[in-house]
N, C-alpha and C. Protein backbone atom coordinates (compact mmCIF):
# COMPACT_ATOMS: atom_id res chain seq x y z
N UNK A 1 3.62 -25.22 -11.43
CA UNK A 1 2.78 -24.79 -10.50
C UNK A 1 1.17 -24.97 -10.90
N UNK A 2 0.35 -26.09 -9.99
CA UNK A 2 -0.73 -25.40 -9.95
C UNK A 2 -1.28 -25.04 -9.10
N UNK A 3 -2.78 -24.51 -9.62
CA UNK A 3 -3.64 -23.86 -8.15
C UNK A 3 -5.07 -24.58 -8.47
N UNK A 4 -5.84 -24.39 -7.60
CA UNK A 4 -6.85 -25.26 -7.29
C UNK A 4 -7.50 -24.19 -6.76
N UNK A 5 -8.32 -23.10 -7.32
CA UNK A 5 -9.66 -22.29 -6.71
C UNK A 5 -10.59 -22.67 -6.67
N UNK A 6 -10.97 -22.43 -5.43
CA UNK A 6 -12.76 -22.61 -5.36
C UNK A 6 -13.68 -21.62 -5.00
N UNK A 7 -14.29 -21.22 -5.30
CA UNK A 7 -15.79 -20.52 -5.10
C UNK A 7 -16.92 -20.71 -4.81
N UNK A 8 -17.09 -20.03 -3.56
CA UNK A 8 -18.26 -20.63 -2.91
C UNK A 8 -19.16 -18.95 -2.72
N UNK A 9 -20.58 -19.26 -3.20
CA UNK A 9 -21.25 -17.81 -3.19
C UNK A 9 -22.03 -17.50 -4.43
N UNK A 10 -22.58 -16.65 -4.09
CA UNK A 10 -23.03 -16.11 -5.38
C UNK A 10 -22.51 -15.67 -6.81
N UNK A 11 -22.10 -15.91 -7.65
CA UNK A 11 -21.45 -15.78 -8.39
C UNK A 11 -21.78 -13.96 -9.46
N UNK A 12 -22.68 -13.23 -9.59
CA UNK A 12 -23.35 -12.61 -10.06
C UNK A 12 -23.22 -11.66 -9.21
N UNK A 13 -23.36 -11.17 -7.22
CA UNK A 13 -22.88 -10.78 -6.71
C UNK A 13 -21.19 -10.63 -6.64
N UNK A 14 -20.90 -11.39 -6.57
CA UNK A 14 -18.90 -11.25 -6.69
C UNK A 14 -18.55 -11.15 -8.36
N UNK A 15 -18.83 -10.75 -9.36
CA UNK A 15 -18.55 -10.00 -10.15
C UNK A 15 -17.10 -9.52 -9.86
N UNK A 16 -17.54 -8.45 -9.52
CA UNK A 16 -16.44 -7.48 -9.68
C UNK A 16 -15.32 -8.09 -9.09
N UNK A 17 -15.45 -8.89 -7.57
CA UNK A 17 -14.37 -9.34 -6.99
C UNK A 17 -13.46 -10.47 -8.28
N UNK A 18 -14.47 -10.62 -9.23
CA UNK A 18 -13.98 -12.45 -9.76
C UNK A 18 -13.16 -11.55 -10.91
N UNK A 19 -13.44 -10.35 -11.18
CA UNK A 19 -12.66 -9.87 -12.15
C UNK A 19 -11.32 -9.19 -11.99
N UNK A 20 -11.27 -8.70 -11.01
CA UNK A 20 -10.37 -8.37 -10.21
C UNK A 20 -9.17 -9.41 -10.11
N UNK A 21 -9.77 -10.66 -9.62
CA UNK A 21 -9.20 -11.33 -9.51
C UNK A 21 -8.32 -11.96 -10.75
N UNK A 22 -9.22 -12.24 -12.11
CA UNK A 22 -8.50 -12.65 -13.31
C UNK A 22 -7.72 -11.55 -13.76
N UNK A 23 -7.74 -10.51 -13.37
CA UNK A 23 -7.15 -9.15 -13.92
C UNK A 23 -5.58 -9.06 -12.93
N UNK A 24 -5.46 -9.73 -11.89
CA UNK A 24 -4.66 -9.45 -11.11
C UNK A 24 -2.80 -9.11 -11.62
N UNK A 25 -2.77 -9.80 -12.52
CA UNK A 25 -0.92 -9.76 -12.92
C UNK A 25 -1.04 -8.60 -13.73
N UNK A 26 -2.06 -7.73 -13.85
CA UNK A 26 -2.32 -6.39 -15.07
C UNK A 26 -1.96 -5.47 -13.98
N UNK A 27 -3.21 -5.93 -12.54
CA UNK A 27 -3.42 -4.60 -11.68
C UNK A 27 -1.76 -4.66 -11.18
N UNK A 28 -0.99 -5.55 -11.26
CA UNK A 28 0.43 -5.57 -10.75
C UNK A 28 1.29 -4.95 -11.19
N UNK A 29 1.48 -5.21 -12.41
CA UNK A 29 2.00 -4.85 -13.77
C UNK A 29 2.21 -3.23 -13.53
N UNK A 30 0.55 -2.87 -13.36
CA UNK A 30 0.62 -1.46 -13.71
C UNK A 30 0.78 -0.76 -11.97
N UNK A 31 0.71 -0.94 -11.15
CA UNK A 31 1.05 -1.02 -10.11
C UNK A 31 2.74 -0.12 -10.17
N UNK A 32 3.21 -1.06 -10.80
CA UNK A 32 5.22 -1.31 -11.05
C UNK A 32 5.14 -0.19 -11.73
N UNK A 33 4.27 -0.16 -12.93
CA UNK A 33 4.93 0.91 -13.61
C UNK A 33 4.75 2.40 -13.67
N UNK A 34 3.72 2.49 -12.56
CA UNK A 34 3.30 3.96 -12.00
C UNK A 34 4.79 4.55 -10.48
N UNK A 35 4.57 3.36 -10.03
CA UNK A 35 5.89 3.41 -8.93
C UNK A 35 7.40 3.56 -10.08
N UNK A 36 7.53 3.04 -10.93
CA UNK A 36 8.82 3.42 -11.43
C UNK A 36 8.39 5.04 -12.22
N UNK A 37 7.91 5.51 -12.74
CA UNK A 37 7.27 6.90 -13.05
C UNK A 37 7.35 7.43 -12.23
N UNK A 38 6.70 7.75 -10.96
CA UNK A 38 7.21 8.57 -9.87
C UNK A 38 8.38 8.32 -9.58
N UNK A 39 9.14 7.62 -9.01
CA UNK A 39 10.71 7.32 -8.50
C UNK A 39 11.64 8.27 -9.57
N UNK A 40 11.31 7.71 -11.32
CA UNK A 40 12.40 8.56 -12.09
C UNK A 40 11.73 9.85 -11.70
N UNK A 41 10.70 10.45 -11.90
CA UNK A 41 10.12 11.77 -11.92
C UNK A 41 10.88 12.49 -10.18
N UNK A 42 10.85 11.85 -9.18
CA UNK A 42 11.55 12.56 -8.02
C UNK A 42 13.16 12.41 -7.84
N UNK A 43 13.56 11.03 -8.63
CA UNK A 43 14.83 11.24 -8.64
C UNK A 43 15.64 11.56 -9.57
N UNK A 44 15.27 11.62 -11.11
CA UNK A 44 15.68 12.23 -12.06
C UNK A 44 15.58 13.27 -12.69
N UNK A 45 14.16 14.37 -12.15
CA UNK A 45 13.32 15.26 -13.26
C UNK A 45 14.73 16.12 -13.22
N UNK A 46 14.84 17.17 -13.97
CA UNK A 46 15.27 18.19 -14.40
C UNK A 46 14.86 19.46 -13.92
N UNK A 47 13.46 19.07 -14.04
CA UNK A 47 12.18 19.94 -14.05
C UNK A 47 12.11 20.57 -12.16
N UNK A 48 11.94 21.60 -11.87
CA UNK A 48 11.88 22.55 -10.69
C UNK A 48 10.58 21.54 -10.63
N UNK A 49 10.49 21.24 -8.93
CA UNK A 49 9.18 20.60 -8.79
C UNK A 49 8.80 21.33 -6.85
N UNK A 50 7.64 21.63 -6.77
CA UNK A 50 7.19 22.68 -5.80
C UNK A 50 7.27 21.23 -4.53
N UNK A 51 7.49 22.05 -3.13
CA UNK A 51 7.47 21.33 -2.01
C UNK A 51 6.24 20.07 -2.12
N UNK A 52 5.11 20.65 -2.45
CA UNK A 52 3.51 20.02 -2.54
C UNK A 52 3.68 18.82 -3.81
N UNK A 53 4.13 19.44 -4.63
CA UNK A 53 4.27 18.34 -5.60
C UNK A 53 5.35 16.88 -5.28
N UNK A 54 6.71 17.60 -4.89
CA UNK A 54 7.66 16.63 -4.12
C UNK A 54 6.46 15.51 -2.87
N UNK A 55 6.02 16.19 -2.20
CA UNK A 55 5.12 15.86 -1.11
C UNK A 55 4.06 14.39 -1.76
N UNK A 56 3.24 15.22 -2.38
CA UNK A 56 2.31 14.69 -2.84
C UNK A 56 2.81 12.82 -3.82
N UNK A 57 3.90 12.91 -4.34
CA UNK A 57 4.68 12.25 -5.24
C UNK A 57 5.60 10.92 -4.24
N UNK A 58 5.71 11.44 -3.51
CA UNK A 58 5.86 10.46 -2.14
C UNK A 58 4.95 9.76 -1.50
N UNK A 59 3.68 10.65 -1.23
CA UNK A 59 2.98 10.22 -0.71
C UNK A 59 2.50 9.12 -1.41
N UNK A 60 2.16 9.24 -3.24
CA UNK A 60 1.25 8.50 -4.01
C UNK A 60 2.81 7.06 -3.86
N UNK A 61 4.41 7.09 -4.12
CA UNK A 61 4.85 5.83 -4.09
C UNK A 61 4.78 5.21 -2.64
N UNK A 62 3.99 5.32 -1.59
CA UNK A 62 4.28 5.01 -0.53
C UNK A 62 2.86 4.06 -0.59
N UNK A 63 1.66 4.46 -1.17
CA UNK A 63 0.39 4.51 -1.16
C UNK A 63 0.74 2.95 -2.08
N UNK A 64 1.90 2.78 -2.96
CA UNK A 64 1.45 1.93 -4.00
C UNK A 64 2.21 0.79 -3.44
N UNK A 65 3.17 0.65 -2.52
CA UNK A 65 4.16 -0.09 -1.98
C UNK A 65 3.47 -0.83 -1.48
N UNK A 66 3.35 -2.28 -1.59
CA UNK A 66 2.93 -3.19 -1.56
C UNK A 66 3.77 -4.18 -0.72
N UNK A 67 4.00 -4.78 0.58
CA UNK A 67 5.76 -5.47 1.11
C UNK A 67 4.61 -6.91 0.60
N UNK A 68 5.80 -7.66 0.24
CA UNK A 68 6.35 -8.85 -0.53
C UNK A 68 6.25 -8.68 -1.69
N UNK A 69 6.06 -7.43 -2.79
CA UNK A 69 6.09 -7.22 -4.02
C UNK A 69 6.97 -6.85 -4.43
N UNK A 70 8.36 -6.87 -3.43
CA UNK A 70 9.57 -6.10 -3.57
C UNK A 70 10.07 -6.75 -4.86
């Protein structure tokens, strides 16, 4: 599959967005890794967790959920 991407505008002003676009696959992999770590901690941890830690981890997991990347 081939993609054709066309940019319009000032490349200097938009360099951060271009960098993010170029690193998109790395960003997606990092999100998946963190989700797996959080899920593993919530499901399989032998260490006791406070209610606050559980809530925080559940919130982090929800924030990292991106519809369409399931």
